């Protein structure tokens, strides 16, 4: 099962869309269920649910990007640790009509790679091509495979209509520029850079 998938939420009609990967993370077969707010919240871990209800209410009101790390329970009762990052979804007129983003299933990979990110990011930047640089950084920050990192880059490239290589170069530059002082920055810093990298392509 792929560890990354996309999700969209539309404010006006309280409507959700899941990719097949996110559907499977929740324990369903693709096409077998239509996600709703009630269903989405029913899968949140009981200890995380109230916080996520508040987050959803805040997103509806502020319509701002967001990121969260929490737990979900699939239909078999298995707990998944996920990272969810959401960006503003706009219509053709530029109005914010919802949120689109991605899920990363971190289950089984909550390892101490975080302490190594700062040094390894510098090493990757010194010896790899832009796409490999960005992939390597995403792998470490989100604890995902090389294939999942490439899928994430490709998805952002398609969503933003920016060439993959140009976007990867910007992601690598942005991630390398995060100050760390020997400690792992909060992942939300990287979330924000990833979801807005297309806005900075070509500005240097």
Protein backbone atom coordinates (compact mmCIF):
# COMPACT_ATOMS: atom_id res chain seq x y z
CA UNK A 1 0.00 0.00 0.00
CA UNK A 2 1.31 3.43 -0.95
CA UNK A 3 2.07 5.63 2.03
CA UNK A 4 1.05 8.88 0.35
CA UNK A 5 -2.24 10.07 -1.10
CA UNK A 6 -4.22 13.23 -1.71
CA UNK A 7 -7.33 14.70 -0.13
CA UNK A 8 -9.62 17.60 -1.04
CA UNK A 9 -12.27 19.34 1.04
CA UNK A 10 -14.83 21.78 -0.39
CA UNK A 11 -16.22 24.35 2.03
CA UNK A 12 -19.55 25.23 0.36
CA UNK A 13 -21.09 21.77 0.37
CA UNK A 14 -18.97 20.15 3.10
CA UNK A 15 -17.68 17.67 0.51
CA UNK A 16 -14.59 15.43 0.65
CA UNK A 17 -12.59 13.61 -1.99
CA UNK A 18 -9.97 10.94 -1.20
CA UNK A 19 -7.42 9.32 -3.44
CA UNK A 20 -7.38 5.52 -3.55
CA UNK A 21 -4.33 5.55 -1.28
CA UNK A 22 -6.08 7.56 1.45
CA UNK A 23 -9.15 5.35 1.09
CA UNK A 24 -6.98 2.29 1.77
CA UNK A 25 -5.26 3.98 4.73
CA UNK A 26 -8.71 4.09 6.33
CA UNK A 27 -9.28 0.41 5.58
CA UNK A 28 -11.65 0.67 2.62
CA UNK A 29 -11.39 -0.52 -0.94
CA UNK A 30 -11.42 2.28 -3.53
CA UNK A 31 -14.93 3.11 -4.68
CA UNK A 32 -16.58 1.39 -1.74
CA UNK A 33 -17.19 4.47 0.40
CA UNK A 34 -17.90 8.18 -0.02
CA UNK A 35 -15.96 10.24 2.55
CA UNK A 36 -17.97 12.67 4.66
CA UNK A 37 -17.02 14.88 7.57
CA UNK A 38 -18.68 12.43 9.94
CA UNK A 39 -16.78 9.50 8.44
CA UNK A 40 -13.46 11.36 8.44
CA UNK A 41 -13.81 12.30 12.10
CA UNK A 42 -15.00 8.82 13.09
CA UNK A 43 -11.61 7.44 12.06
CA UNK A 44 -9.60 9.90 14.14
CA UNK A 45 -8.06 8.48 17.29
CA UNK A 46 -10.29 9.35 20.27
CA UNK A 47 -7.46 11.24 21.97
CA UNK A 48 -6.92 13.39 18.85
CA UNK A 49 -10.51 13.88 17.68
CA UNK A 50 -11.45 17.03 19.62
CA UNK A 51 -8.31 18.81 18.47
CA UNK A 52 -9.06 17.92 14.85
CA UNK A 53 -12.68 19.05 15.14
CA UNK A 54 -11.35 22.43 16.28
CA UNK A 55 -8.84 22.45 13.42
CA UNK A 56 -11.54 21.78 10.84
CA UNK A 57 -13.69 24.57 12.24
CA UNK A 58 -10.72 26.92 12.13
CA UNK A 59 -9.92 26.01 8.53
CA UNK A 60 -13.51 26.64 7.48
CA UNK A 61 -13.36 30.08 9.08
CA UNK A 62 -9.84 31.23 8.20
CA UNK A 63 -9.41 29.28 4.93
CA UNK A 64 -5.67 29.16 5.59
CA UNK A 65 -3.18 26.36 4.86
CA UNK A 66 -2.60 23.90 7.68
CA UNK A 67 -0.55 20.91 8.77
CA UNK A 68 -1.20 18.34 11.45
CA UNK A 69 0.22 15.12 12.80
CA UNK A 70 -2.28 12.78 14.39
CA UNK A 71 -3.55 9.21 14.52
CA UNK A 72 -6.32 7.49 12.61
CA UNK A 73 -7.89 4.07 13.10
CA UNK A 74 -8.77 2.00 10.05
CA UNK A 75 -11.73 -0.35 9.70
CA UNK A 76 -9.67 -3.17 11.25
CA UNK A 77 -8.91 -1.10 14.35
CA UNK A 78 -5.25 -0.57 13.42
CA UNK A 79 -3.73 2.77 14.39
CA UNK A 80 -1.89 4.79 11.74
CA UNK A 81 0.32 7.78 12.50
CA UNK A 82 -0.25 10.31 9.72
CA UNK A 83 0.97 13.69 8.59
CA UNK A 84 -1.67 15.75 6.79
CA UNK A 85 -0.74 18.96 4.98
CA UNK A 86 -3.40 21.15 3.37
CA UNK A 87 -3.10 24.07 0.98
CA UNK A 88 -5.69 26.54 -0.28
CA UNK A 89 -7.86 25.18 -3.10
CA UNK A 90 -8.90 27.97 -5.46
CA UNK A 91 -11.39 28.22 -8.30
CA UNK A 92 -10.68 29.79 -11.70
CA UNK A 93 -11.42 33.24 -10.30
CA UNK A 94 -8.85 32.80 -7.54
CA UNK A 95 -11.37 32.46 -4.72
CA UNK A 96 -10.50 29.98 -1.97
CA UNK A 97 -13.17 27.28 -2.16
CA UNK A 98 -11.57 24.54 -0.09
CA UNK A 99 -8.42 22.78 0.94
CA UNK A 100 -6.31 20.30 -0.96
CA UNK A 101 -3.35 18.43 0.36
CA UNK A 102 -1.83 15.08 1.13
CA UNK A 103 -1.67 12.31 3.72
CA UNK A 104 1.57 10.56 4.59
CA UNK A 105 1.27 7.36 6.62
CA UNK A 106 4.21 7.42 9.03
CA UNK A 107 3.30 4.17 10.79
CA UNK A 108 6.36 2.09 11.59
CA UNK A 109 8.71 4.87 10.61
CA UNK A 110 8.66 7.13 13.65
CA UNK A 111 12.37 6.70 14.03
CA UNK A 112 15.08 9.06 15.13
CA UNK A 113 15.98 10.22 11.62
CA UNK A 114 14.90 13.65 12.78
CA UNK A 115 18.11 14.19 14.70
CA UNK A 116 20.09 13.50 11.53
CA UNK A 117 18.15 15.69 9.14
CA UNK A 118 20.19 18.86 9.45
CA UNK A 119 23.57 17.30 8.68
CA UNK A 120 22.26 14.93 6.04
CA UNK A 121 20.38 17.68 4.21
CA UNK A 122 23.65 19.51 3.77
CA UNK A 123 25.33 16.33 2.53
CA UNK A 124 22.57 15.63 0.03
CA UNK A 125 22.66 19.17 -1.28
CA UNK A 126 26.38 18.87 -1.93
CA UNK A 127 26.34 15.73 -4.06
CA UNK A 128 23.03 15.10 -5.83
CA UNK A 129 20.94 16.43 -8.72
CA UNK A 130 18.02 18.76 -7.86
CA UNK A 131 15.38 16.02 -8.06
CA UNK A 132 17.48 13.60 -6.00
CA UNK A 133 18.27 16.38 -3.52
CA UNK A 134 14.60 17.14 -3.01
CA UNK A 135 13.68 13.44 -2.83
CA UNK A 136 16.34 12.81 -0.20
CA UNK A 137 15.18 15.70 1.92
CA UNK A 138 11.55 14.65 1.72
CA UNK A 139 12.52 11.09 2.64
CA UNK A 140 14.21 12.28 5.80
CA UNK A 141 11.71 14.91 6.86
CA UNK A 142 8.67 12.68 6.32
CA UNK A 143 10.29 9.25 6.77
CA UNK A 144 8.99 8.01 3.43
CA UNK A 145 10.45 5.88 0.63
CA UNK A 146 12.19 7.24 -2.46
CA UNK A 147 9.17 6.32 -4.59
CA UNK A 148 6.78 8.12 -2.25
CA UNK A 149 9.03 11.19 -2.20
CA UNK A 150 9.10 11.27 -6.00
CA UNK A 151 5.31 10.85 -6.13
CA UNK A 152 4.97 13.78 -3.75
CA UNK A 153 7.17 15.99 -5.92
CA UNK A 154 5.37 14.92 -9.09
CA UNK A 155 1.99 15.62 -7.49
CA UNK A 156 3.03 19.13 -6.49
CA UNK A 157 4.47 19.71 -9.97
CA UNK A 158 1.20 18.70 -11.61
CA UNK A 159 -0.96 20.62 -9.17
CA UNK A 160 1.00 23.84 -9.60
CA UNK A 161 1.88 23.46 -13.30
CA UNK A 162 5.58 23.94 -12.56
CA UNK A 163 8.24 21.76 -14.18
CA UNK A 164 9.34 18.95 -11.91
CA UNK A 165 13.03 19.83 -12.04
CA UNK A 166 12.38 23.51 -11.32
CA UNK A 167 10.11 22.68 -8.41
CA UNK A 168 12.56 20.15 -7.00
CA UNK A 169 15.36 22.72 -7.19
CA UNK A 170 13.25 25.19 -5.23
CA UNK A 171 12.28 22.61 -2.61
CA UNK A 172 15.93 21.62 -2.17
CA UNK A 173 16.99 25.27 -1.88
CA UNK A 174 14.23 26.07 0.60
CA UNK A 175 14.86 23.04 2.80
CA UNK A 176 18.59 23.62 2.83
CA UNK A 177 18.00 27.20 3.95
CA UNK A 178 16.02 26.28 7.06
CA UNK A 179 18.04 27.34 10.14
CA UNK A 180 18.45 24.50 12.60
CA UNK A 181 21.19 25.29 15.12
CA UNK A 182 21.87 21.58 15.54
CA UNK A 183 18.23 20.66 16.23
CA UNK A 184 15.44 19.41 14.01
CA UNK A 185 13.05 22.28 13.18
CA UNK A 186 9.35 21.69 13.59
CA UNK A 187 8.04 19.76 10.58
CA UNK A 188 5.43 22.44 9.95
CA UNK A 189 8.28 24.64 8.68
CA UNK A 190 8.95 22.11 5.93
CA UNK A 191 5.21 21.64 5.30
CA UNK A 192 4.84 25.33 4.53
CA UNK A 193 7.90 25.44 2.29
CA UNK A 194 6.79 22.40 0.30
CA UNK A 195 3.28 23.70 -0.31
CA UNK A 196 4.45 27.15 -1.41
CA UNK A 197 7.66 26.30 -3.28
CA UNK A 198 6.01 26.90 -6.67
CA UNK A 199 5.44 30.55 -5.74
CA UNK A 200 9.21 31.12 -5.46
CA UNK A 201 10.36 29.32 -8.61
CA UNK A 202 12.24 31.75 -10.81
CA UNK A 203 12.40 34.52 -8.22
CA UNK A 204 16.09 34.14 -7.39
